[in-house]
Protein backbone atom coordinates (compact mmCIF):
# COMPACT_ATOMS: atom_id res chain seq x y z
CA MET A 1 6.20 -10.69 9.63
CA PRO A 2 2.55 -11.61 10.50
CA PHE A 3 0.97 -10.13 13.31
CA LYS A 4 0.94 -12.62 16.47
CA THR A 5 -1.91 -11.21 18.37
CA TYR A 6 -5.33 -9.51 17.81
CA ASN A 7 -4.29 -6.43 19.73
CA ASP A 8 -1.20 -6.11 17.48
CA ALA A 9 -3.48 -6.32 14.32
CA VAL A 10 -6.21 -3.78 15.43
CA LYS A 11 -3.62 -1.50 16.29
CA PHE A 12 -2.18 -1.80 12.67
CA LEU A 13 -5.67 -1.30 10.96
CA PHE A 14 -6.24 1.88 13.15
CA GLY A 15 -3.00 3.48 11.49
CA PHE A 16 -4.81 3.54 8.13
CA THR A 17 -6.88 6.71 7.03
CA ASN A 18 -10.52 6.28 8.60
CA TYR A 19 -12.79 8.80 7.33
CA GLU A 20 -15.47 7.83 9.73
CA ARG A 21 -13.17 9.81 12.29
CA VAL A 22 -12.29 12.56 10.32
CA VAL A 23 -13.96 16.12 9.95
CA ASN A 24 -14.90 17.57 6.44
CA PHE A 25 -12.74 15.39 4.22
CA ASP A 26 -12.57 15.80 0.43
CA TYR A 27 -14.88 13.35 -1.41
CA ASP A 28 -13.35 12.96 -5.00
CA SER A 29 -12.52 10.44 -7.11
CA SER A 30 -8.84 11.04 -6.95
CA LYS A 31 -8.57 10.17 -3.19
CA LEU A 32 -11.90 7.83 -3.09
CA ASN A 33 -11.58 5.44 -6.00
CA LEU A 34 -12.29 2.07 -6.64
CA ARG A 35 -9.09 1.12 -8.06
CA ARG A 36 -7.63 0.24 -4.70
CA MET A 37 -10.29 -1.89 -3.79
CA ALA A 38 -10.33 -3.65 -7.16
CA ALA A 39 -6.28 -4.40 -6.74
CA MET A 40 -6.81 -5.69 -3.36
CA LEU A 41 -9.76 -8.08 -4.34
CA ASP A 42 -7.83 -9.38 -7.15
CA PHE A 43 -4.74 -10.23 -4.47
CA LEU A 44 -7.47 -11.92 -2.43
CA GLY A 45 -8.47 -14.25 -5.51
CA ASN A 46 -11.63 -12.01 -6.04
CA PRO A 47 -13.94 -13.24 -3.05
CA HIS A 48 -16.80 -10.70 -4.00
CA LEU A 49 -17.30 -12.75 -7.16
CA ALA A 50 -17.72 -16.21 -5.19
CA MET A 51 -21.36 -15.68 -3.75
CA ARG A 52 -24.56 -13.82 -4.69
CA ALA A 53 -25.08 -10.30 -3.23
CA VAL A 54 -27.46 -7.83 -2.02
CA HIS A 55 -25.99 -4.18 -2.30
CA VAL A 56 -28.01 -1.64 0.40
CA ALA A 57 -27.49 2.13 0.32
CA GLY A 58 -29.85 4.91 1.63
CA THR A 59 -29.55 8.01 4.01
CA LYS A 60 -31.32 6.32 6.66
CA GLY A 61 -32.72 2.89 7.62
CA LYS A 62 -29.78 0.82 5.46
CA GLY A 63 -28.44 -0.80 8.77
CA SER A 64 -31.73 -2.15 9.80
CA THR A 65 -32.75 -3.03 6.24
CA THR A 66 -29.52 -4.91 5.92
CA LEU A 67 -30.05 -7.00 9.12
CA MET A 68 -33.61 -7.72 8.01
CA ILE A 69 -32.54 -8.98 4.44
CA THR A 70 -29.95 -11.02 6.46
CA GLU A 71 -32.13 -12.58 9.01
CA ILE A 72 -34.72 -13.55 6.25
CA LEU A 73 -31.90 -15.19 4.33
CA ARG A 74 -30.89 -17.15 7.38
CA LYS A 75 -34.30 -18.36 8.02
CA ALA A 76 -34.58 -19.65 4.47
CA GLY A 77 -31.37 -21.96 5.60
CA LEU A 78 -28.71 -19.76 3.44
CA LYS A 79 -25.03 -19.11 4.53
CA VAL A 80 -25.36 -15.28 4.94
CA GLY A 81 -22.66 -12.89 5.43
CA ALA A 82 -23.38 -8.99 6.16
CA TYR A 83 -21.01 -6.10 6.15
CA MET A 84 -22.10 -2.98 7.97
CA SER A 85 -20.93 0.18 9.65
CA PRO A 86 -20.10 1.90 11.81
CA HIS A 87 -19.79 -0.76 14.89
CA LEU A 88 -21.60 0.10 18.31
CA VAL A 89 -19.40 -1.61 20.76
CA PHE A 90 -17.21 -4.30 19.06
CA LEU A 91 -15.11 -3.99 15.91
CA GLU A 92 -16.10 -7.15 14.92
CA GLU A 93 -19.51 -6.07 14.84
CA ARG A 94 -18.91 -4.73 11.04
CA ILE A 95 -18.62 -8.36 9.65
CA LEU A 96 -21.10 -10.87 10.47
CA PHE A 97 -21.59 -14.37 9.50
CA ASP A 98 -24.29 -16.57 10.38
CA GLY A 99 -25.56 -14.15 12.77
CA ALA A 100 -22.43 -13.88 14.59
CA MET A 101 -19.48 -11.57 14.79
CA ILE A 102 -16.20 -12.41 13.21
CA PRO A 103 -14.30 -14.03 15.81
CA LYS A 104 -11.04 -12.12 16.92
CA GLU A 105 -8.93 -15.03 15.72
CA ALA A 106 -10.34 -15.02 12.28
CA LEU A 107 -9.89 -11.27 12.12
CA LEU A 108 -6.30 -11.36 12.89
CA LYS A 109 -5.94 -14.40 9.84
CA GLN A 110 -7.60 -11.97 7.90
CA VAL A 111 -5.31 -9.03 8.46
CA ASN A 112 -2.43 -11.26 7.92
CA ALA A 113 -3.61 -12.57 4.96
CA LEU A 114 -3.76 -8.85 3.50
CA LEU A 115 -0.38 -8.11 4.99
CA PRO A 116 1.62 -8.50 1.96
CA HIS A 117 -0.31 -6.49 -0.33
CA LEU A 118 -0.78 -3.65 2.33
CA GLU A 119 3.05 -3.53 2.61
CA ALA A 120 3.24 -3.20 -0.93
CA CYS A 121 1.01 -0.50 -1.35
CA ALA A 122 3.01 1.74 1.46
CA LYS A 123 5.97 1.05 -1.12
CA SER A 124 3.85 2.30 -4.14
CA ALA A 125 5.10 5.67 -5.72
CA GLU A 126 1.45 5.72 -6.96
CA PRO A 127 -0.55 8.53 -5.24
CA PHE A 128 -3.19 7.34 -2.89
CA ALA A 129 -2.30 3.73 -3.26
CA THR A 130 -2.88 2.46 0.09
CA PRO A 131 -6.39 1.39 0.97
CA THR A 132 -8.17 3.07 3.84
CA PHE A 133 -9.70 1.50 7.04
CA PHE A 134 -12.89 1.07 5.45
CA GLU A 135 -11.70 -0.57 2.22
CA ILE A 136 -9.54 -2.99 4.01
CA PHE A 137 -12.75 -3.88 6.24
CA THR A 138 -14.63 -4.44 3.04
CA GLY A 139 -12.05 -6.63 1.81
CA MET A 140 -11.67 -8.64 4.79
CA ALA A 141 -15.24 -9.17 4.83
CA TRP A 142 -15.52 -10.61 1.23
CA ASN A 143 -12.48 -12.75 1.97
CA TYR A 144 -14.25 -14.42 5.20
CA PHE A 145 -17.52 -15.01 3.63
CA ARG A 146 -15.82 -16.63 1.11
CA GLU A 147 -13.72 -18.87 3.44
CA ARG A 148 -17.13 -19.88 5.23
CA GLY A 149 -18.81 -20.89 2.27
CA GLY A 150 -21.15 -17.94 2.02
CA ASP A 151 -24.18 -18.41 -0.14
CA VAL A 152 -25.11 -14.58 0.03
CA ALA A 153 -23.45 -11.08 1.17
CA VAL A 154 -25.19 -8.40 2.02
CA MET A 155 -23.43 -5.46 1.95
CA GLU A 156 -24.36 -1.93 3.44
CA VAL A 157 -22.83 1.19 1.70
CA GLY A 158 -20.42 3.09 4.03
CA LEU A 159 -20.76 6.68 2.57
CA GLY A 160 -22.83 7.83 -0.59
CA GLY A 161 -22.51 4.71 -2.95
CA ARG A 162 -20.75 5.75 -6.12
CA LEU A 163 -17.38 6.00 -4.77
CA ASP A 164 -17.84 3.57 -1.92
CA SER A 165 -15.48 0.53 -1.32
CA THR A 166 -18.68 -1.86 -1.86
CA ASN A 167 -19.27 -0.75 -5.06
CA VAL A 168 -17.23 -3.06 -6.87
CA ILE A 169 -19.88 -5.68 -5.84
CA ARG A 170 -21.98 -7.50 -8.68
CA PRO A 171 -25.49 -7.66 -6.81
CA ASP A 172 -28.56 -9.64 -7.67
CA VAL A 173 -30.61 -6.69 -6.20
CA CYS A 174 -29.86 -3.30 -5.18
CA VAL A 175 -31.61 -1.24 -2.15
CA ILE A 176 -31.86 2.33 -1.91
CA THR A 177 -33.88 2.92 1.34
CA ASN A 178 -34.24 6.80 0.90
CA VAL A 179 -32.68 9.96 0.43
CA SER A 180 -32.49 12.66 2.66
CA PHE A 181 -30.09 15.52 3.69
CA ASP A 182 -26.76 14.09 5.16
CA HIS A 183 -23.02 14.30 4.50
CA MET A 184 -23.95 17.32 2.44
CA ARG A 185 -20.20 18.60 2.45
CA GLN A 186 -19.40 15.05 0.43
CA LEU A 187 -22.56 14.00 -1.37
CA GLY A 188 -23.99 17.38 -2.29
CA ASP A 189 -26.37 20.18 -0.70
CA THR A 190 -29.23 19.15 -3.07
CA LEU A 191 -31.49 16.02 -2.66
CA SER A 192 -30.73 15.66 -6.43
CA LEU A 193 -27.15 15.52 -5.89
CA ILE A 194 -27.29 13.29 -3.00
CA ALA A 195 -29.73 10.87 -4.98
CA ALA A 196 -27.02 10.73 -8.17
CA GLU A 197 -24.28 9.51 -5.62
CA LYS A 198 -27.01 6.81 -4.00
CA ALA A 199 -27.69 5.89 -7.93
CA GLY A 200 -24.43 5.04 -8.35
CA ILE A 201 -24.87 1.49 -6.83
CA ILE A 202 -27.40 0.66 -9.82
CA LYS A 203 -26.20 -1.69 -11.98
CA PRO A 204 -27.34 -2.94 -15.61
CA GLY A 205 -30.45 -5.03 -15.74
CA VAL A 206 -30.49 -5.47 -11.54
CA PRO A 207 -33.71 -4.68 -9.88
CA VAL A 208 -33.48 -1.85 -7.45
CA VAL A 209 -36.07 -1.72 -4.45
CA SER A 210 -36.63 1.67 -2.95
CA ALA A 211 -38.69 3.96 -0.86
CA VAL A 212 -37.46 7.26 -2.31
CA ALA A 213 -39.87 9.74 -2.01
CA GLY A 214 -39.97 13.55 -3.45
CA PRO A 215 -39.94 14.69 -6.93
CA GLU A 216 -36.29 15.54 -7.06
CA PRO A 217 -34.55 12.50 -5.66
CA LEU A 218 -37.32 9.95 -7.35
CA ARG A 219 -36.68 11.58 -10.80
CA VAL A 220 -33.03 10.90 -10.46
CA ILE A 221 -33.39 7.35 -9.56
CA GLU A 222 -35.68 7.01 -12.14
CA ALA A 223 -33.72 8.30 -14.85
CA LYS A 224 -30.70 5.81 -13.83
CA CYS A 225 -32.77 2.90 -13.77
CA ARG A 226 -34.00 3.60 -17.15
CA GLU A 227 -30.71 4.48 -18.47
CA LEU A 228 -29.20 1.02 -17.00
CA ASN A 229 -32.53 -0.69 -18.10
CA ALA A 230 -32.78 -1.74 -14.31
CA PRO A 231 -36.42 -2.61 -12.94
CA LEU A 232 -37.25 -0.24 -10.29
CA TYR A 233 -39.59 -1.45 -7.55
CA LEU A 234 -40.81 1.58 -5.39
CA LEU A 235 -42.75 1.58 -2.15
CA GLY A 236 -46.03 2.66 -2.60
CA ARG A 237 -46.27 1.88 -6.29
CA GLU A 238 -44.86 -1.74 -7.28
CA ILE A 239 -44.28 -2.67 -3.32
CA LEU A 240 -47.72 -2.27 -1.35
CA LEU A 241 -47.49 -2.19 2.49
CA GLU A 242 -50.98 -2.80 4.38
CA GLN A 243 -51.52 -2.51 8.19
CA GLU A 244 -53.51 -5.32 9.53
CA ASP A 245 -54.22 -4.47 13.47
CA GLY A 246 -50.70 -4.43 14.47
CA ARG A 247 -49.65 -6.86 11.68
CA PHE A 248 -48.98 -6.18 8.13
CA SER A 249 -48.68 -7.60 4.67
CA VAL A 250 -46.20 -6.52 1.88
CA SER A 251 -46.96 -6.99 -1.79
CA VAL A 252 -44.34 -7.21 -4.68
CA ALA A 253 -44.05 -8.94 -8.11
CA GLY A 254 -47.34 -10.78 -8.04
CA LYS A 255 -46.86 -11.89 -4.26
CA LYS A 256 -48.39 -11.22 -1.14
CA ILE A 257 -46.57 -11.79 2.12
CA ALA A 258 -49.29 -11.34 5.10
CA ASP A 259 -49.40 -11.48 8.90
CA ILE A 260 -45.86 -9.86 9.32
CA ARG A 261 -44.90 -8.77 12.62
CA LEU A 262 -41.83 -6.94 13.79
CA ARG A 263 -40.28 -6.39 17.47
CA GLN A 264 -39.33 -2.89 16.16
CA HIS A 265 -41.21 0.34 17.09
CA GLY A 266 -42.19 2.82 14.13
CA ALA A 267 -43.52 3.25 10.83
CA HIS A 268 -40.22 3.43 9.13
CA GLN A 269 -39.16 0.05 10.37
CA ARG A 270 -42.28 -1.39 8.61
CA SER A 271 -41.14 0.72 5.51
CA ASN A 272 -37.50 -0.96 5.91
CA ALA A 273 -39.00 -4.26 6.53
CA ALA A 274 -41.28 -3.79 3.22
CA LEU A 275 -38.05 -2.88 1.23
CA ALA A 276 -36.25 -6.01 2.64
CA ALA A 277 -39.25 -8.51 2.00
CA ALA A 278 -39.06 -7.16 -1.77
CA ALA A 279 -35.54 -7.66 -2.08
CA CYS A 280 -35.88 -11.11 -0.64
CA VAL A 281 -38.72 -12.27 -3.04
CA LEU A 282 -36.56 -11.18 -5.89
CA LEU A 283 -33.43 -13.15 -4.57
CA SER A 284 -36.05 -16.18 -4.57
CA LYS A 285 -35.46 -16.52 -8.32
CA ALA A 286 -31.84 -17.58 -7.55
CA PHE A 287 -32.93 -19.28 -4.05
CA PRO A 288 -36.60 -20.77 -4.21
CA ASP A 289 -36.09 -21.73 -0.34
CA ILE A 290 -36.76 -17.93 0.18
CA ASP A 291 -40.44 -18.22 1.09
CA ASP A 292 -43.31 -16.66 2.92
CA SER A 293 -42.47 -18.47 6.10
CA ALA A 294 -38.74 -17.37 5.96
CA ILE A 295 -39.76 -13.66 5.27
CA ARG A 296 -42.16 -13.59 8.24
CA ALA A 297 -39.98 -15.79 10.48
CA GLY A 298 -36.59 -13.18 9.66
CA LEU A 299 -38.47 -10.18 10.12
CA ALA A 300 -40.19 -11.58 13.55
CA ALA A 301 -36.82 -12.47 14.69
CA VAL A 302 -34.57 -9.70 13.66
CA GLU A 303 -33.24 -7.44 16.41
CA LEU A 304 -32.01 -3.88 15.57
CA PRO A 305 -29.30 -2.53 18.18
CA GLY A 306 -29.42 1.23 18.71
CA ARG A 307 -32.63 1.93 16.54
CA VAL A 308 -35.51 2.77 19.00
CA GLU A 309 -33.99 0.22 21.31
CA VAL A 310 -35.88 0.25 24.63
CA VAL A 311 -32.91 -0.69 27.24
CA HIS A 312 -35.20 -0.04 30.48
CA ARG A 313 -38.65 0.10 31.54
CA LYS A 314 -40.02 1.92 34.20
CA PRO A 315 -38.58 4.57 33.77
CA THR A 316 -38.56 4.06 30.17
CA VAL A 317 -34.81 4.47 28.55
CA ILE A 318 -34.67 4.56 24.88
CA VAL A 319 -31.50 4.35 22.76
CA ASP A 320 -31.67 5.73 18.82
CA GLY A 321 -28.66 6.65 16.57
CA ALA A 322 -30.63 9.23 14.91
CA HIS A 323 -27.80 11.62 13.35
CA ASN A 324 -29.77 13.69 10.84
CA VAL A 325 -33.11 15.65 10.48
CA ALA A 326 -35.20 12.80 8.86
CA SER A 327 -34.15 10.30 11.43
CA LEU A 328 -34.70 12.27 14.36
CA LYS A 329 -38.39 13.18 12.97
CA CYS A 330 -38.77 9.68 12.65
CA LEU A 331 -37.84 8.88 16.14
CA PHE A 332 -39.79 11.74 17.46
CA ASP A 333 -42.81 10.41 15.38
CA THR A 334 -42.32 7.11 16.86
CA ILE A 335 -42.16 8.04 20.62
CA ARG A 336 -45.31 9.91 20.14
CA ALA A 337 -47.27 6.92 18.53
CA ASP A 338 -45.98 4.18 20.52
CA PHE A 339 -44.84 5.36 24.14
CA ALA A 340 -46.84 6.49 27.09
CA TYR A 341 -44.96 8.87 29.37
CA ASP A 342 -45.12 12.11 31.59
CA ARG A 343 -41.87 14.02 30.44
CA LEU A 344 -38.94 13.40 28.06
CA ARG A 345 -35.64 14.12 28.80
CA LEU A 346 -33.26 14.30 25.72
CA ILE A 347 -29.81 13.22 25.94
CA PHE A 348 -28.07 14.46 22.80
CA ALA A 349 -24.82 14.01 21.55
CA VAL A 350 -23.82 14.73 17.48
CA ALA A 351 -20.96 15.19 15.31
CA ARG A 352 -20.04 18.57 14.29
CA ASP A 353 -20.21 18.13 11.05
CA LYS A 354 -23.81 17.31 11.00
CA ASP A 355 -26.80 19.38 10.31
CA ILE A 356 -26.86 20.45 13.85
CA ALA A 357 -28.80 23.70 13.13
CA GLY A 358 -31.44 21.67 11.12
CA MET A 359 -31.80 18.94 14.27
CA LEU A 360 -32.00 21.72 16.57
CA ASN A 361 -34.69 23.25 14.87
CA GLU A 362 -36.80 19.81 14.87
CA ILE A 363 -36.17 19.42 18.51
CA VAL A 364 -37.31 22.86 19.59
CA SER A 365 -40.34 22.90 17.05
CA ARG A 366 -41.54 19.94 18.88
CA ALA A 367 -40.67 20.41 22.27
CA SER A 368 -43.96 21.33 23.38
CA GLU A 369 -45.43 18.29 21.47
CA MET A 370 -43.11 15.90 22.82
CA LYS A 371 -43.43 16.74 26.56
CA LEU A 372 -39.82 17.77 26.44
CA ALA A 373 -38.84 18.99 29.99
CA ALA A 374 -34.86 18.64 30.05
CA VAL A 375 -31.93 18.48 27.43
CA THR A 376 -28.60 17.13 28.57
CA LEU A 377 -25.72 17.18 26.03
CA THR A 378 -22.78 15.24 26.01
CA ALA A 379 -19.87 14.09 23.69
CA THR A 380 -18.91 10.60 22.69
CA GLY A 381 -15.22 10.70 22.44
CA SER A 382 -14.99 10.79 18.77
CA PRO A 383 -12.72 13.45 17.03
CA ARG A 384 -15.60 14.55 14.93
CA ALA A 385 -17.88 15.22 18.33
CA GLY A 386 -19.32 18.47 18.93
CA LYS A 387 -18.04 20.24 22.06
CA LYS A 388 -19.54 22.00 25.17
CA GLU A 389 -18.62 25.23 23.90
CA MET A 390 -20.36 24.88 20.57
CA LEU A 391 -23.31 22.91 21.37
CA GLN A 392 -24.75 24.46 24.69
CA PRO A 393 -24.90 28.19 23.34
CA MET A 394 -26.64 27.00 20.18
CA PHE A 395 -29.27 25.17 22.29
CA GLU A 396 -29.86 27.91 24.91
CA LYS A 397 -29.98 30.61 22.04
CA SER A 398 -32.59 28.72 19.91
CA PHE A 399 -34.77 27.57 22.69
CA ALA A 400 -34.63 31.30 24.33
CA ALA A 401 -35.75 32.33 20.51
CA ALA A 402 -38.77 30.21 20.60
CA GLY A 403 -39.87 31.47 24.19
CA ILE A 404 -39.32 28.11 25.73
CA GLN A 405 -37.60 27.76 29.20
CA MET A 406 -35.67 24.53 28.93
CA LYS A 407 -33.22 23.07 31.18
CA ILE A 408 -30.08 22.76 29.29
CA GLU A 409 -27.06 21.02 30.83
CA TRP A 410 -23.62 19.71 29.57
CA ARG A 411 -22.45 16.68 31.24
CA ASP A 412 -19.36 14.70 29.98
CA ASP A 413 -19.72 11.14 31.94
CA VAL A 414 -22.49 9.28 29.60
CA GLY A 415 -22.07 6.46 32.37
CA GLU A 416 -23.42 9.02 35.12
CA ILE A 417 -26.03 10.32 32.54
CA TYR A 418 -27.41 6.38 32.17
CA SER A 419 -27.60 5.88 35.81
CA ALA A 420 -29.32 8.96 36.41
CA ALA A 421 -31.94 7.99 34.03
CA LEU A 422 -32.44 4.84 35.65
CA LYS A 423 -33.55 6.45 38.95
CA ALA A 424 -36.13 8.74 37.30
CA ALA A 425 -39.87 8.75 38.17
CA PRO A 426 -41.44 5.72 36.55
CA GLY A 427 -43.39 7.85 34.15
CA ALA A 428 -40.46 9.66 32.58
CA LEU A 429 -38.98 8.51 29.46
CA THR A 430 -35.21 9.27 28.63
CA CYS A 431 -33.96 9.22 25.06
CA PHE A 432 -30.25 8.89 23.98
CA THR A 433 -29.87 10.22 20.70
CA GLY A 434 -28.15 12.25 18.05
CA SER A 435 -25.36 9.93 16.88
CA MET A 436 -24.52 6.14 16.53
CA TYR A 437 -21.49 6.66 18.69
CA LEU A 438 -23.71 7.82 21.74
CA ALA A 439 -25.84 4.63 21.06
CA GLY A 440 -22.70 2.56 21.27
CA LYS A 441 -21.43 4.55 24.35
CA VAL A 442 -24.61 3.17 26.19
CA ARG A 443 -24.80 -0.34 24.42
CA GLU A 444 -20.97 -0.58 26.04
CA ILE A 445 -22.63 0.31 29.35
CA LEU A 446 -25.38 -2.35 28.80
CA VAL A 447 -22.69 -5.09 27.84
CA ALA A 448 -20.71 -4.20 30.93
CA GLU A 449 -23.44 -4.82 33.26
CA ARG A 450 -24.43 -7.88 31.51
CA SER A 451 -21.08 -9.39 31.90
CA ARG A 452 -21.03 -8.37 35.77
CA GLY A 453 -24.39 -10.31 36.07
CA GLU A 454 -26.37 -7.10 36.92
C-alpha cells in the first residue's frame, strides 16, 4: 500500500541501511555495488540518462563546488538538479531543483514510486539485494529531476567514488576537487589508495577537472586519465587562478573569466570556484548560454551554509563543517587571514571514526597562533559522535603534553553553547566545527530563531 503521509514515508526510509550513521562499516564490492542501483534505475525507466550531468568527488570541497556549479548553470537559464549529502537541517536539502528543496509531497510521491521495487527487493533471496538509504535517495533524485524536466544534474559523490551509488552516471564533466586523508578505514590509509577510489568516477573520454596536489594522488589521477583517454584540467596547470584586489580571474581552455567575486571566505573557496568555473566552461560546448556573465553571476550569488558561515557579528560566531585535518587547516588559515578578533573559543564535536588525533594535533599546534583561549567539547546526537569519556581526556592530555594551559570543558546542550557565544565580548570569535552534524545543529537553532521572528 502506498504511504499516505510524509512522516510515514520518512520513517520507512530510515528503516534502510544508512552508512552515514554507522561506525566502521565494511567498504567492499559485495555489500556496496552498483547492481542494486542499476536495477532500481531500470525500474524507474533510467531517469539518469534523460539529462546532462556533472559528477563531483573529492575529500573536501565537493559540496561547495556542487553548489557553485549549480548556481552558475541556473544563471545560464538551465533547469538544474543538485544532489548532495549529508543534509544540515532538513532531509529535503539532499535533493534540490531550481535552487529549492524537494517539497515534502514530492518526496512522498518518489517513495511511493519506488515502493513496489523495494518490496520486491526485500523478498529477494539474493544477498544484499535491498538498496541502502543513500541509494534510494540517489534514485529518487534522478527521478525527480526528470519529472521536473531537468537539463543538467549535478551529482555529489557520497563516499569515495568507485563504489558510490552515483557512479552509474554518464557525465559530461567529472570533478575531483582534491585528495586528503579521510574515511581511511573504507578508502585506504595512503593517499594513493584514496585517490584510486576517487578516480573510480573517471569515464572514457570525459574531461576531468581537479585541484589534486601532491605526487602520490596526482600520479594516480593522471594515470587513470591516460588509461581512459580522459582530458585532465588541473588547477595551477590547465586552470589558472589569478588574484585581482579582492576579485579573481579563472583561465581554462583558452578562455579567461575576469572580475569574479565570492561571498565566501577562504582561499580554498576560490579554488573550488575555479574548478566550478572550469567545469562550466567545458559544459558550455553543450549549452552555449553558459557564458562569462553566467559564471560571474552564479559565483557571486552562491550561498554555502556551514562553510565558514558567519552567523553572528559582534561577537563573531562562525559555523564550519570541517571534519578532517585538511579541512581544519583551511578553516584556521581562513580565520587568521580574514577575521580580526581578540580571542578564539572553539566549539568542537567529531565522529569517533575520524582522524581525531590528527585534528587535535592541528588544534594544539596552532593554539597560540590562533589566540585560542578555550575549547568546549560537545556531541551531535549522531550514533557516530565522539563521547565525553573519549574526547575530553584526549584534549586535556594533548594540551598538557604541549605545555599549554587551556580551559577545556564538556557541555551537552548546543543551544546553550550558542546562546553563551552570543553574549561573549564584542572582540571574541566563537567557531563551531569538527562535524557537519554540529553545523547542522547550529543551523537548526538559526532556523528556529527565524521562524519565531527573532
